[in-house]
Amino acid sequence: MSTTVSRASLDQKLALAKRCSREATLAGAKAAAVATIASAIPTLASVRMLPWAKANINPTGQALIVSTVAGMAYFIAADKKILSLARRHSFEQAPEHLKNTSFQGTGRPHPAFFRP
């Protein structure tokens, strides 16, 4: 059983993947920028005010703290964005009989994390 895939379908999937990648990169960059500011201020303030930090954290250590936090924020935010976009797109492409997953017995809607 071999199935043929049209060139237009592949081009559409490639364009969607590029757009999702771009959105994830932008989300990660925003999170990294915020995390850099949020970690640089207390790091630099503690080195100036606390005797222990002044004696033990040199400029390389300060840069390492700030860059580690920024890197973690970038990858966490980008990963969350990719997963949310993949979930949304898989739900949009699902057959109709699988889309109606709500259980009508409780009278309550699903929590927000169950909805696409």
N, C-alpha and C. Protein backbone atom coordinates (compact mmCIF):
# COMPACT_ATOMS: atom_id res chain seq x y z
N MET A 1 0.83 -1.18 0.00
CA MET A 1 0.00 0.00 0.00
C MET A 1 0.87 1.25 0.00
N SER A 2 1.04 1.84 -1.10
CA SER A 2 1.78 3.09 -1.12
C SER A 2 0.80 4.22 -1.37
N THR A 3 0.96 5.26 -0.64
CA THR A 3 0.11 6.43 -0.81
C THR A 3 0.94 7.53 -1.44
N THR A 4 0.32 8.27 -2.31
CA THR A 4 1.03 9.37 -2.94
C THR A 4 0.67 10.66 -2.23
N VAL A 5 1.65 11.47 -2.07
CA VAL A 5 1.47 12.76 -1.41
C VAL A 5 1.74 13.84 -2.44
N SER A 6 0.82 14.76 -2.54
CA SER A 6 0.98 15.79 -3.57
C SER A 6 2.02 16.82 -3.13
N ARG A 7 2.59 17.46 -4.12
CA ARG A 7 3.60 18.50 -3.86
C ARG A 7 2.97 19.67 -3.11
N ALA A 8 1.73 20.01 -3.45
CA ALA A 8 1.05 21.13 -2.78
C ALA A 8 0.84 20.83 -1.30
N SER A 9 0.52 19.57 -0.99
CA SER A 9 0.33 19.19 0.41
C SER A 9 1.64 19.31 1.19
N LEU A 10 2.73 18.87 0.58
CA LEU A 10 4.02 18.98 1.25
C LEU A 10 4.44 20.43 1.43
N ASP A 11 4.17 21.25 0.40
CA ASP A 11 4.51 22.67 0.51
C ASP A 11 3.69 23.35 1.61
N GLN A 12 2.43 22.95 1.73
CA GLN A 12 1.58 23.52 2.77
C GLN A 12 2.09 23.13 4.15
N LYS A 13 2.47 21.87 4.31
CA LYS A 13 2.99 21.42 5.61
C LYS A 13 4.32 22.10 5.95
N LEU A 14 5.16 22.30 4.94
CA LEU A 14 6.43 22.98 5.16
C LEU A 14 6.21 24.43 5.56
N ALA A 15 5.27 25.11 4.91
CA ALA A 15 4.97 26.50 5.26
C ALA A 15 4.42 26.59 6.68
N LEU A 16 3.57 25.64 7.07
CA LEU A 16 3.03 25.62 8.42
C LEU A 16 4.13 25.39 9.44
N ALA A 17 5.05 24.48 9.14
CA ALA A 17 6.16 24.21 10.05
C ALA A 17 7.06 25.43 10.21
N LYS A 18 7.32 26.13 9.11
CA LYS A 18 8.15 27.34 9.19
C LYS A 18 7.47 28.42 10.01
N ARG A 19 6.16 28.58 9.82
CA ARG A 19 5.44 29.60 10.59
C ARG A 19 5.43 29.26 12.08
N CYS A 20 5.23 27.99 12.41
CA CYS A 20 5.25 27.57 13.81
C CYS A 20 6.63 27.77 14.42
N SER A 21 7.65 27.47 13.66
CA SER A 21 9.02 27.66 14.14
C SER A 21 9.31 29.13 14.39
N ARG A 22 8.84 29.99 13.49
CA ARG A 22 9.05 31.43 13.65
C ARG A 22 8.32 31.94 14.89
N GLU A 23 7.08 31.49 15.09
CA GLU A 23 6.32 31.92 16.27
C GLU A 23 7.00 31.45 17.55
N ALA A 24 7.51 30.22 17.56
CA ALA A 24 8.18 29.69 18.75
C ALA A 24 9.47 30.46 19.03
N THR A 25 10.20 30.80 17.99
CA THR A 25 11.44 31.57 18.17
C THR A 25 11.14 32.94 18.75
N LEU A 26 10.10 33.57 18.26
CA LEU A 26 9.72 34.89 18.78
C LEU A 26 9.27 34.80 20.24
N ALA A 27 8.48 33.78 20.57
CA ALA A 27 8.04 33.61 21.96
C ALA A 27 9.23 33.35 22.88
N GLY A 28 10.19 32.54 22.41
CA GLY A 28 11.38 32.27 23.21
C GLY A 28 12.23 33.51 23.41
N ALA A 29 12.36 34.31 22.36
CA ALA A 29 13.16 35.54 22.48
C ALA A 29 12.53 36.53 23.45
N LYS A 30 11.21 36.65 23.40
CA LYS A 30 10.53 37.53 24.36
C LYS A 30 10.74 37.06 25.79
N ALA A 31 10.59 35.76 26.00
CA ALA A 31 10.78 35.21 27.35
C ALA A 31 12.22 35.39 27.82
N ALA A 32 13.17 35.22 26.92
CA ALA A 32 14.58 35.38 27.30
C ALA A 32 14.89 36.83 27.66
N ALA A 33 14.29 37.76 26.94
CA ALA A 33 14.52 39.18 27.25
C ALA A 33 13.97 39.53 28.63
N VAL A 34 12.78 39.06 28.91
CA VAL A 34 12.18 39.33 30.22
C VAL A 34 12.99 38.66 31.33
N ALA A 35 13.40 37.41 31.09
CA ALA A 35 14.17 36.69 32.11
C ALA A 35 15.53 37.32 32.34
N THR A 36 16.13 37.87 31.30
CA THR A 36 17.42 38.53 31.46
C THR A 36 17.30 39.72 32.40
N ILE A 37 16.29 40.55 32.17
CA ILE A 37 16.08 41.71 33.05
C ILE A 37 15.72 41.25 34.46
N ALA A 38 14.83 40.25 34.54
CA ALA A 38 14.37 39.79 35.86
C ALA A 38 15.48 39.14 36.67
N SER A 39 16.49 38.56 36.02
CA SER A 39 17.58 37.94 36.78
C SER A 39 18.78 38.87 36.94
N ALA A 40 18.96 39.80 36.02
CA ALA A 40 20.13 40.69 36.10
C ALA A 40 20.00 41.68 37.25
N ILE A 41 18.80 42.20 37.46
CA ILE A 41 18.62 43.21 38.51
C ILE A 41 18.95 42.65 39.90
N PRO A 42 18.36 41.53 40.32
CA PRO A 42 18.72 41.02 41.65
C PRO A 42 20.16 40.51 41.74
N THR A 43 20.69 39.99 40.63
CA THR A 43 22.07 39.51 40.67
C THR A 43 23.04 40.67 40.88
N LEU A 44 22.88 41.71 40.09
CA LEU A 44 23.77 42.86 40.22
C LEU A 44 23.56 43.58 41.56
N ALA A 45 22.32 43.66 42.02
CA ALA A 45 22.05 44.31 43.30
C ALA A 45 22.66 43.53 44.46
N SER A 46 22.56 42.20 44.39
CA SER A 46 23.10 41.41 45.50
C SER A 46 24.62 41.48 45.55
N VAL A 47 25.27 41.58 44.40
CA VAL A 47 26.73 41.68 44.38
C VAL A 47 27.18 43.00 44.98
N ARG A 48 26.38 44.04 44.83
CA ARG A 48 26.75 45.33 45.40
C ARG A 48 26.42 45.44 46.88
N MET A 49 25.36 44.76 47.33
CA MET A 49 24.89 44.96 48.71
C MET A 49 25.27 43.87 49.69
N LEU A 50 25.37 42.64 49.24
CA LEU A 50 25.64 41.53 50.17
C LEU A 50 27.14 41.23 50.21
N PRO A 51 27.72 41.20 51.39
CA PRO A 51 29.17 40.94 51.48
C PRO A 51 29.56 39.57 50.93
N TRP A 52 28.76 38.56 51.18
CA TRP A 52 29.11 37.23 50.68
C TRP A 52 29.14 37.22 49.15
N ALA A 53 28.11 37.80 48.52
CA ALA A 53 28.04 37.82 47.06
C ALA A 53 29.18 38.66 46.48
N LYS A 54 29.49 39.75 47.14
CA LYS A 54 30.59 40.61 46.66
C LYS A 54 31.92 39.86 46.69
N ALA A 55 32.09 39.02 47.71
CA ALA A 55 33.36 38.30 47.84
C ALA A 55 33.43 37.06 46.95
N ASN A 56 32.29 36.45 46.62
CA ASN A 56 32.32 35.15 45.96
C ASN A 56 31.81 35.10 44.53
N ILE A 57 31.09 36.11 44.07
CA ILE A 57 30.56 36.07 42.70
C ILE A 57 31.28 37.12 41.86
N ASN A 58 32.18 36.67 41.02
CA ASN A 58 32.91 37.59 40.15
C ASN A 58 32.06 37.92 38.91
N PRO A 59 32.50 38.81 38.04
CA PRO A 59 31.70 39.17 36.86
C PRO A 59 31.37 37.99 35.94
N THR A 60 32.27 37.02 35.86
CA THR A 60 31.97 35.84 35.05
C THR A 60 30.82 35.05 35.65
N GLY A 61 30.82 34.93 36.96
CA GLY A 61 29.72 34.23 37.64
C GLY A 61 28.40 34.96 37.47
N GLN A 62 28.44 36.28 37.53
CA GLN A 62 27.22 37.06 37.31
C GLN A 62 26.67 36.83 35.91
N ALA A 63 27.56 36.86 34.92
CA ALA A 63 27.13 36.64 33.53
C ALA A 63 26.59 35.23 33.35
N LEU A 64 27.19 34.27 34.02
CA LEU A 64 26.73 32.89 33.93
C LEU A 64 25.34 32.73 34.52
N ILE A 65 25.08 33.38 35.63
CA ILE A 65 23.75 33.32 36.24
C ILE A 65 22.70 33.90 35.30
N VAL A 66 22.97 35.08 34.78
CA VAL A 66 22.00 35.76 33.92
C VAL A 66 21.78 34.99 32.62
N SER A 67 22.85 34.52 32.00
CA SER A 67 22.70 33.83 30.71
C SER A 67 22.04 32.46 30.87
N THR A 68 22.27 31.79 31.98
CA THR A 68 21.61 30.51 32.22
C THR A 68 20.11 30.69 32.36
N VAL A 69 19.70 31.70 33.10
CA VAL A 69 18.27 31.97 33.26
C VAL A 69 17.65 32.34 31.92
N ALA A 70 18.33 33.16 31.14
CA ALA A 70 17.80 33.56 29.83
C ALA A 70 17.69 32.36 28.89
N GLY A 71 18.69 31.50 28.89
CA GLY A 71 18.64 30.31 28.04
C GLY A 71 17.53 29.36 28.42
N MET A 72 17.36 29.15 29.72
CA MET A 72 16.27 28.28 30.16
C MET A 72 14.92 28.86 29.78
N ALA A 73 14.74 30.15 29.96
CA ALA A 73 13.47 30.79 29.61
C ALA A 73 13.19 30.67 28.12
N TYR A 74 14.23 30.85 27.30
CA TYR A 74 14.06 30.74 25.85
C TYR A 74 13.55 29.35 25.48
N PHE A 75 14.23 28.32 25.94
CA PHE A 75 13.87 26.97 25.53
C PHE A 75 12.53 26.52 26.11
N ILE A 76 12.23 26.92 27.33
CA ILE A 76 10.94 26.54 27.91
C ILE A 76 9.81 27.22 27.16
N ALA A 77 9.92 28.51 26.88
CA ALA A 77 8.85 29.23 26.18
C ALA A 77 8.70 28.72 24.75
N ALA A 78 9.80 28.49 24.06
CA ALA A 78 9.72 27.99 22.69
C ALA A 78 9.10 26.60 22.65
N ASP A 79 9.47 25.75 23.59
CA ASP A 79 8.92 24.41 23.63
C ASP A 79 7.42 24.44 23.92
N LYS A 80 7.01 25.28 24.86
CA LYS A 80 5.58 25.40 25.15
C LYS A 80 4.81 25.88 23.93
N LYS A 81 5.37 26.82 23.19
CA LYS A 81 4.70 27.35 22.00
C LYS A 81 4.59 26.28 20.93
N ILE A 82 5.66 25.53 20.70
CA ILE A 82 5.63 24.47 19.69
C ILE A 82 4.60 23.42 20.06
N LEU A 83 4.56 23.02 21.32
CA LEU A 83 3.60 22.01 21.74
C LEU A 83 2.16 22.51 21.62
N SER A 84 1.91 23.76 21.97
CA SER A 84 0.55 24.28 21.86
C SER A 84 0.11 24.40 20.41
N LEU A 85 1.02 24.82 19.52
CA LEU A 85 0.68 24.91 18.10
C LEU A 85 0.47 23.52 17.51
N ALA A 86 1.28 22.56 17.88
CA ALA A 86 1.11 21.20 17.37
C ALA A 86 -0.23 20.62 17.84
N ARG A 87 -0.57 20.88 19.08
CA ARG A 87 -1.84 20.37 19.59
C ARG A 87 -3.01 21.01 18.85
N ARG A 88 -2.93 22.33 18.63
CA ARG A 88 -4.00 23.02 17.94
C ARG A 88 -4.15 22.52 16.51
N HIS A 89 -3.02 22.35 15.82
CA HIS A 89 -3.09 21.91 14.43
C HIS A 89 -3.52 20.45 14.31
N SER A 90 -3.14 19.61 15.25
CA SER A 90 -3.59 18.22 15.19
C SER A 90 -5.08 18.14 15.46
N PHE A 91 -5.60 19.02 16.32
CA PHE A 91 -7.03 19.04 16.60
C PHE A 91 -7.80 19.53 15.38
N GLU A 92 -7.25 20.55 14.68
CA GLU A 92 -7.93 21.08 13.50
C GLU A 92 -7.98 20.06 12.37
N GLN A 93 -6.99 19.19 12.27
CA GLN A 93 -6.93 18.22 11.19
C GLN A 93 -7.56 16.88 11.56
N ALA A 94 -8.08 16.76 12.77
CA ALA A 94 -8.67 15.50 13.21
C ALA A 94 -10.03 15.28 12.53
N PRO A 95 -10.44 14.03 12.38
CA PRO A 95 -11.77 13.76 11.85
C PRO A 95 -12.85 14.31 12.78
N GLU A 96 -14.01 14.58 12.23
CA GLU A 96 -15.08 15.22 13.01
C GLU A 96 -15.52 14.37 14.19
N HIS A 97 -15.56 13.04 14.04
CA HIS A 97 -16.04 12.21 15.14
C HIS A 97 -15.08 12.22 16.33
N LEU A 98 -13.84 12.66 16.14
CA LEU A 98 -12.90 12.75 17.25
C LEU A 98 -12.86 14.14 17.88
N LYS A 99 -13.39 15.13 17.18
CA LYS A 99 -13.33 16.50 17.70
C LYS A 99 -14.30 16.72 18.85
N ASN A 100 -15.44 16.06 18.85
CA ASN A 100 -16.41 16.25 19.92
C ASN A 100 -16.05 15.34 21.08
N THR A 101 -15.18 15.83 21.95
CA THR A 101 -14.72 15.02 23.08
C THR A 101 -15.34 15.45 24.40
N SER A 102 -16.31 16.33 24.34
CA SER A 102 -16.89 16.82 25.58
C SER A 102 -17.86 15.79 26.15
N PHE A 103 -17.83 15.63 27.43
CA PHE A 103 -18.72 14.73 28.14
C PHE A 103 -19.87 15.55 28.68
N GLN A 104 -21.08 15.23 28.28
CA GLN A 104 -22.23 16.05 28.61
C GLN A 104 -22.86 15.69 29.95
N GLY A 105 -22.36 14.70 30.66
CA GLY A 105 -23.02 14.23 31.87
C GLY A 105 -22.85 15.13 33.07
N THR A 106 -21.82 15.92 33.18
CA THR A 106 -21.56 16.68 34.40
C THR A 106 -22.19 18.05 34.38
N GLY A 107 -22.47 18.59 33.21
CA GLY A 107 -23.02 19.94 33.14
C GLY A 107 -21.98 21.02 33.29
N ARG A 108 -20.72 20.64 33.40
CA ARG A 108 -19.64 21.62 33.51
C ARG A 108 -18.77 21.53 32.26
N PRO A 109 -18.26 22.65 31.77
CA PRO A 109 -17.32 22.58 30.64
C PRO A 109 -15.97 22.06 31.12
N HIS A 110 -15.20 21.60 30.18
CA HIS A 110 -13.85 21.14 30.52
C HIS A 110 -13.00 22.31 31.00
N PRO A 111 -12.02 22.04 31.85
CA PRO A 111 -11.08 23.10 32.21
C PRO A 111 -10.33 23.59 30.98
N ALA A 112 -9.75 24.75 31.07
CA ALA A 112 -9.11 25.39 29.93
C ALA A 112 -7.97 24.55 29.34
N PHE A 113 -7.28 23.76 30.17
CA PHE A 113 -6.15 23.02 29.63
C PHE A 113 -6.57 21.81 28.81
N PHE A 114 -7.86 21.44 28.79
CA PHE A 114 -8.32 20.37 27.93
C PHE A 114 -8.77 20.88 26.57
N ARG A 115 -9.04 22.17 26.46
CA ARG A 115 -9.51 22.72 25.20
C ARG A 115 -8.33 23.06 24.31
N PRO A 116 -8.52 22.95 22.99
CA PRO A 116 -7.42 23.29 22.08
C PRO A 116 -7.17 24.78 22.02
